[in-house]
């Protein structure tokens, strides 16, 4: 399994817009991709991270090559609420432990 981490900064005064975009645009786009296994959205003030899980490198590569992903990236970039450069990192998942929510 592959963990893909996208990091960015957002204008804190527009954080609600960012979170709406994440829920209404990003989540459905990721969910529709072959090999998608799950995601976490995280935010601390203006620092944001989206951690997605993929079946393998081929699935993560296919995401980045998909027109729907590129359209979503163009859409979020056009909003103006992202600040500075965004980065992407990938890691092989070698362990996990998630507890069910209470």
N, C-alpha and C. Protein backbone atom coordinates (compact mmCIF):
# COMPACT_ATOMS: atom_id res chain seq x y z
N UNK A 1 0.85 -1.18 0.00
CA UNK A 1 0.00 0.00 0.00
C UNK A 1 0.90 1.24 0.00
N UNK A 2 0.45 2.26 -0.68
CA UNK A 2 1.18 3.53 -0.80
C UNK A 2 0.42 4.64 -0.07
N UNK A 3 1.16 5.41 0.71
CA UNK A 3 0.63 6.60 1.37
C UNK A 3 1.15 7.81 0.60
N UNK A 4 0.22 8.63 0.12
CA UNK A 4 0.57 9.83 -0.65
C UNK A 4 0.16 11.03 0.19
N UNK A 5 1.11 11.92 0.46
CA UNK A 5 0.85 13.07 1.34
C UNK A 5 1.01 14.36 0.54
N UNK A 6 -0.07 15.12 0.47
CA UNK A 6 -0.08 16.43 -0.21
C UNK A 6 -0.15 17.48 0.89
N UNK A 7 0.79 18.43 0.86
CA UNK A 7 0.83 19.50 1.86
C UNK A 7 0.66 20.85 1.17
N UNK A 8 -0.07 21.73 1.84
CA UNK A 8 -0.26 23.07 1.30
C UNK A 8 -0.56 24.02 2.46
N UNK A 9 -0.66 25.28 2.13
CA UNK A 9 -1.10 26.30 3.08
C UNK A 9 -2.31 26.98 2.49
N UNK A 10 -3.24 27.37 3.35
CA UNK A 10 -4.42 28.10 2.90
C UNK A 10 -4.55 29.40 3.67
N UNK A 11 -5.21 30.33 3.04
CA UNK A 11 -5.57 31.59 3.69
C UNK A 11 -6.56 31.21 4.81
N UNK A 12 -6.16 31.41 6.05
CA UNK A 12 -6.99 30.99 7.18
C UNK A 12 -8.37 31.63 7.18
N UNK A 13 -8.49 32.83 6.62
CA UNK A 13 -9.81 33.48 6.58
C UNK A 13 -10.73 32.79 5.58
N UNK A 14 -10.16 31.88 4.75
CA UNK A 14 -10.95 31.16 3.75
C UNK A 14 -10.91 29.65 3.99
N UNK A 15 -10.56 29.25 5.21
CA UNK A 15 -10.44 27.83 5.53
C UNK A 15 -11.75 27.07 5.30
N UNK A 16 -12.88 27.69 5.57
CA UNK A 16 -14.16 27.01 5.36
C UNK A 16 -14.36 26.70 3.88
N UNK A 17 -13.92 27.59 3.01
CA UNK A 17 -14.01 27.33 1.56
C UNK A 17 -13.14 26.15 1.17
N UNK A 18 -11.92 26.11 1.74
CA UNK A 18 -11.02 24.99 1.47
C UNK A 18 -11.66 23.67 1.92
N UNK A 19 -12.20 23.64 3.13
CA UNK A 19 -12.80 22.42 3.65
C UNK A 19 -14.01 21.99 2.83
N UNK A 20 -14.78 22.95 2.34
CA UNK A 20 -15.92 22.64 1.47
C UNK A 20 -15.43 22.03 0.16
N UNK A 21 -14.38 22.61 -0.43
CA UNK A 21 -13.82 22.08 -1.66
C UNK A 21 -13.32 20.64 -1.44
N UNK A 22 -12.64 20.43 -0.32
CA UNK A 22 -12.12 19.10 -0.01
C UNK A 22 -13.26 18.07 0.05
N UNK A 23 -14.34 18.43 0.73
CA UNK A 23 -15.47 17.50 0.90
C UNK A 23 -16.28 17.31 -0.39
N UNK A 24 -16.50 18.39 -1.12
CA UNK A 24 -17.40 18.33 -2.28
C UNK A 24 -16.71 18.01 -3.60
N UNK A 25 -15.42 18.31 -3.71
CA UNK A 25 -14.69 18.09 -4.97
C UNK A 25 -13.61 17.02 -4.83
N UNK A 26 -12.72 17.20 -3.85
CA UNK A 26 -11.58 16.28 -3.73
C UNK A 26 -12.00 14.88 -3.33
N UNK A 27 -12.81 14.74 -2.30
CA UNK A 27 -13.20 13.42 -1.82
C UNK A 27 -13.88 12.59 -2.92
N UNK A 28 -14.88 13.14 -3.63
CA UNK A 28 -15.49 12.34 -4.70
C UNK A 28 -14.50 11.98 -5.81
N UNK A 29 -13.59 12.89 -6.14
CA UNK A 29 -12.60 12.61 -7.17
C UNK A 29 -11.70 11.46 -6.74
N UNK A 30 -11.15 11.53 -5.51
CA UNK A 30 -10.30 10.44 -5.03
C UNK A 30 -11.07 9.12 -4.99
N UNK A 31 -12.29 9.16 -4.47
CA UNK A 31 -13.09 7.95 -4.31
C UNK A 31 -13.37 7.24 -5.63
N UNK A 32 -13.41 7.99 -6.71
CA UNK A 32 -13.70 7.42 -8.03
C UNK A 32 -12.48 6.78 -8.69
N UNK A 33 -11.30 6.96 -8.11
CA UNK A 33 -10.07 6.46 -8.74
C UNK A 33 -9.85 4.98 -8.44
N UNK A 34 -9.46 4.20 -9.45
CA UNK A 34 -9.12 2.80 -9.20
C UNK A 34 -7.93 2.70 -8.24
N UNK A 35 -8.01 1.75 -7.32
CA UNK A 35 -6.92 1.54 -6.38
C UNK A 35 -6.94 2.44 -5.15
N UNK A 36 -7.95 3.33 -5.04
CA UNK A 36 -8.08 4.20 -3.88
C UNK A 36 -8.46 3.37 -2.67
N UNK A 37 -7.78 3.57 -1.53
CA UNK A 37 -8.04 2.79 -0.32
C UNK A 37 -8.52 3.62 0.86
N UNK A 38 -8.39 4.96 0.79
CA UNK A 38 -8.86 5.80 1.89
C UNK A 38 -8.11 7.11 1.97
N UNK A 39 -8.56 7.99 2.87
CA UNK A 39 -7.88 9.28 3.03
C UNK A 39 -8.12 9.87 4.39
N UNK A 40 -7.26 10.82 4.72
CA UNK A 40 -7.38 11.66 5.91
C UNK A 40 -7.15 13.10 5.48
N UNK A 41 -8.03 14.01 5.92
CA UNK A 41 -7.81 15.43 5.74
C UNK A 41 -7.34 15.97 7.09
N UNK A 42 -6.30 16.79 7.11
CA UNK A 42 -5.83 17.40 8.35
C UNK A 42 -5.55 18.88 8.15
N UNK A 43 -5.81 19.66 9.19
CA UNK A 43 -5.53 21.10 9.11
C UNK A 43 -5.17 21.60 10.49
N UNK A 44 -4.13 22.44 10.54
CA UNK A 44 -3.71 23.15 11.75
C UNK A 44 -3.52 24.59 11.34
N UNK A 45 -4.52 25.42 11.61
CA UNK A 45 -4.48 26.80 11.13
C UNK A 45 -4.48 26.81 9.62
N UNK A 46 -3.45 27.40 9.04
CA UNK A 46 -3.34 27.47 7.59
C UNK A 46 -2.59 26.31 6.97
N UNK A 47 -2.00 25.44 7.80
CA UNK A 47 -1.27 24.28 7.30
C UNK A 47 -2.24 23.13 7.06
N UNK A 48 -2.24 22.62 5.84
CA UNK A 48 -3.16 21.55 5.48
C UNK A 48 -2.42 20.36 4.91
N UNK A 49 -2.96 19.19 5.15
CA UNK A 49 -2.40 17.96 4.62
C UNK A 49 -3.54 17.04 4.20
N UNK A 50 -3.35 16.38 3.07
CA UNK A 50 -4.27 15.35 2.62
C UNK A 50 -3.44 14.08 2.44
N UNK A 51 -3.75 13.07 3.24
CA UNK A 51 -3.05 11.80 3.15
C UNK A 51 -4.00 10.80 2.50
N UNK A 52 -3.62 10.31 1.34
CA UNK A 52 -4.43 9.32 0.65
C UNK A 52 -3.69 7.99 0.64
N UNK A 53 -4.45 6.92 0.61
CA UNK A 53 -3.90 5.57 0.58
C UNK A 53 -4.27 4.91 -0.74
N UNK A 54 -3.27 4.25 -1.35
CA UNK A 54 -3.43 3.65 -2.67
C UNK A 54 -2.97 2.21 -2.65
N UNK A 55 -3.62 1.39 -3.44
CA UNK A 55 -3.32 -0.03 -3.51
C UNK A 55 -1.84 -0.29 -3.80
N UNK A 56 -1.27 0.49 -4.73
CA UNK A 56 0.13 0.30 -5.11
C UNK A 56 0.61 1.55 -5.86
N UNK A 57 1.89 1.54 -6.26
CA UNK A 57 2.44 2.69 -6.99
C UNK A 57 1.70 2.95 -8.29
N UNK A 58 1.28 1.88 -8.96
CA UNK A 58 0.56 2.04 -10.23
C UNK A 58 -0.74 2.83 -10.03
N UNK A 59 -1.45 2.57 -8.94
CA UNK A 59 -2.69 3.30 -8.66
C UNK A 59 -2.40 4.77 -8.36
N UNK A 60 -1.34 5.05 -7.60
CA UNK A 60 -0.96 6.44 -7.30
C UNK A 60 -0.51 7.15 -8.58
N UNK A 61 0.22 6.43 -9.45
CA UNK A 61 0.62 7.00 -10.74
C UNK A 61 -0.60 7.31 -11.60
N UNK A 62 -1.57 6.37 -11.60
CA UNK A 62 -2.79 6.56 -12.41
C UNK A 62 -3.58 7.77 -11.92
N UNK A 63 -3.63 7.97 -10.60
CA UNK A 63 -4.29 9.17 -10.07
C UNK A 63 -3.68 10.42 -10.70
N UNK A 64 -2.35 10.53 -10.59
CA UNK A 64 -1.67 11.74 -11.05
C UNK A 64 -1.79 11.94 -12.56
N UNK A 65 -2.02 10.85 -13.31
CA UNK A 65 -2.17 10.95 -14.76
C UNK A 65 -3.62 11.19 -15.18
N UNK A 66 -4.57 11.04 -14.26
CA UNK A 66 -5.99 11.14 -14.63
C UNK A 66 -6.42 12.58 -14.90
N UNK A 67 -7.27 12.73 -15.88
CA UNK A 67 -7.76 14.07 -16.22
C UNK A 67 -8.63 14.63 -15.10
N UNK A 68 -9.38 13.78 -14.41
CA UNK A 68 -10.22 14.27 -13.32
C UNK A 68 -9.36 14.83 -12.19
N UNK A 69 -8.24 14.17 -11.87
CA UNK A 69 -7.33 14.69 -10.85
C UNK A 69 -6.74 16.03 -11.31
N UNK A 70 -6.25 16.10 -12.53
CA UNK A 70 -5.66 17.35 -13.03
C UNK A 70 -6.69 18.48 -13.04
N UNK A 71 -7.95 18.16 -13.39
CA UNK A 71 -9.01 19.18 -13.37
C UNK A 71 -9.28 19.65 -11.94
N UNK A 72 -9.24 18.73 -10.98
CA UNK A 72 -9.46 19.10 -9.57
C UNK A 72 -8.33 19.98 -9.07
N UNK A 73 -7.09 19.63 -9.43
CA UNK A 73 -5.94 20.46 -9.04
C UNK A 73 -6.07 21.86 -9.65
N UNK A 74 -6.46 21.93 -10.91
CA UNK A 74 -6.64 23.23 -11.56
C UNK A 74 -7.75 24.01 -10.86
N UNK A 75 -8.81 23.32 -10.47
CA UNK A 75 -9.93 23.97 -9.79
C UNK A 75 -9.54 24.54 -8.45
N UNK A 76 -8.83 23.77 -7.64
CA UNK A 76 -8.44 24.28 -6.32
C UNK A 76 -7.40 25.39 -6.46
N UNK A 77 -6.54 25.29 -7.46
CA UNK A 77 -5.53 26.34 -7.69
C UNK A 77 -6.21 27.65 -8.09
N UNK A 78 -7.29 27.56 -8.83
CA UNK A 78 -7.99 28.75 -9.32
C UNK A 78 -8.78 29.47 -8.22
N UNK A 79 -9.03 28.82 -7.09
CA UNK A 79 -9.84 29.45 -6.04
C UNK A 79 -9.15 30.63 -5.40
N UNK A 80 -7.81 30.59 -5.35
CA UNK A 80 -7.06 31.67 -4.72
C UNK A 80 -6.87 31.50 -3.23
N UNK A 81 -7.42 30.45 -2.61
CA UNK A 81 -7.22 30.30 -1.17
C UNK A 81 -5.97 29.51 -0.79
N UNK A 82 -5.28 28.90 -1.77
CA UNK A 82 -4.01 28.24 -1.48
C UNK A 82 -2.89 29.28 -1.47
N UNK A 83 -1.95 29.11 -0.58
CA UNK A 83 -0.83 30.04 -0.45
C UNK A 83 0.48 29.29 -0.72
N UNK A 84 1.32 29.83 -1.58
CA UNK A 84 2.64 29.23 -1.82
C UNK A 84 2.56 27.94 -2.60
N UNK A 85 3.67 27.21 -2.55
CA UNK A 85 3.79 25.95 -3.28
C UNK A 85 3.22 24.79 -2.46
N UNK A 86 2.62 23.85 -3.13
CA UNK A 86 2.18 22.60 -2.51
C UNK A 86 3.22 21.53 -2.80
N UNK A 87 3.31 20.54 -1.92
CA UNK A 87 4.26 19.45 -2.13
C UNK A 87 3.55 18.11 -2.03
N UNK A 88 4.15 17.10 -2.65
CA UNK A 88 3.63 15.73 -2.59
C UNK A 88 4.78 14.81 -2.20
N UNK A 89 4.50 13.90 -1.28
CA UNK A 89 5.45 12.87 -0.89
C UNK A 89 4.74 11.52 -0.97
N UNK A 90 5.51 10.47 -1.19
CA UNK A 90 4.96 9.11 -1.21
C UNK A 90 5.80 8.22 -0.30
N UNK A 91 5.10 7.33 0.38
CA UNK A 91 5.77 6.36 1.25
C UNK A 91 5.09 5.01 1.09
N UNK A 92 5.87 3.97 1.20
CA UNK A 92 5.33 2.62 1.29
C UNK A 92 4.80 2.44 2.71
N UNK A 93 3.59 1.96 2.85
CA UNK A 93 3.03 1.70 4.18
C UNK A 93 3.60 0.38 4.66
N UNK A 94 4.22 0.41 5.83
CA UNK A 94 4.79 -0.82 6.36
C UNK A 94 4.13 -1.24 7.66
N UNK A 95 3.14 -0.49 8.09
CA UNK A 95 2.39 -0.85 9.28
C UNK A 95 1.29 0.16 9.54
N UNK A 96 0.29 -0.25 10.29
CA UNK A 96 -0.78 0.67 10.66
C UNK A 96 -1.50 0.13 11.88
N UNK A 97 -2.17 1.03 12.56
CA UNK A 97 -3.01 0.66 13.69
C UNK A 97 -4.01 1.79 13.88
N UNK A 98 -5.23 1.55 13.46
CA UNK A 98 -6.29 2.53 13.61
C UNK A 98 -7.36 1.98 14.53
N UNK A 99 -7.73 2.74 15.52
CA UNK A 99 -8.78 2.32 16.42
C UNK A 99 -10.12 2.81 15.91
N UNK A 100 -11.16 2.05 16.08
CA UNK A 100 -12.49 2.53 15.68
C UNK A 100 -12.89 3.74 16.51
N UNK A 101 -13.64 4.64 15.91
CA UNK A 101 -14.09 5.82 16.67
C UNK A 101 -15.10 5.38 17.72
N UNK A 102 -15.12 6.13 18.82
CA UNK A 102 -15.99 5.76 19.95
C UNK A 102 -17.40 6.21 19.73
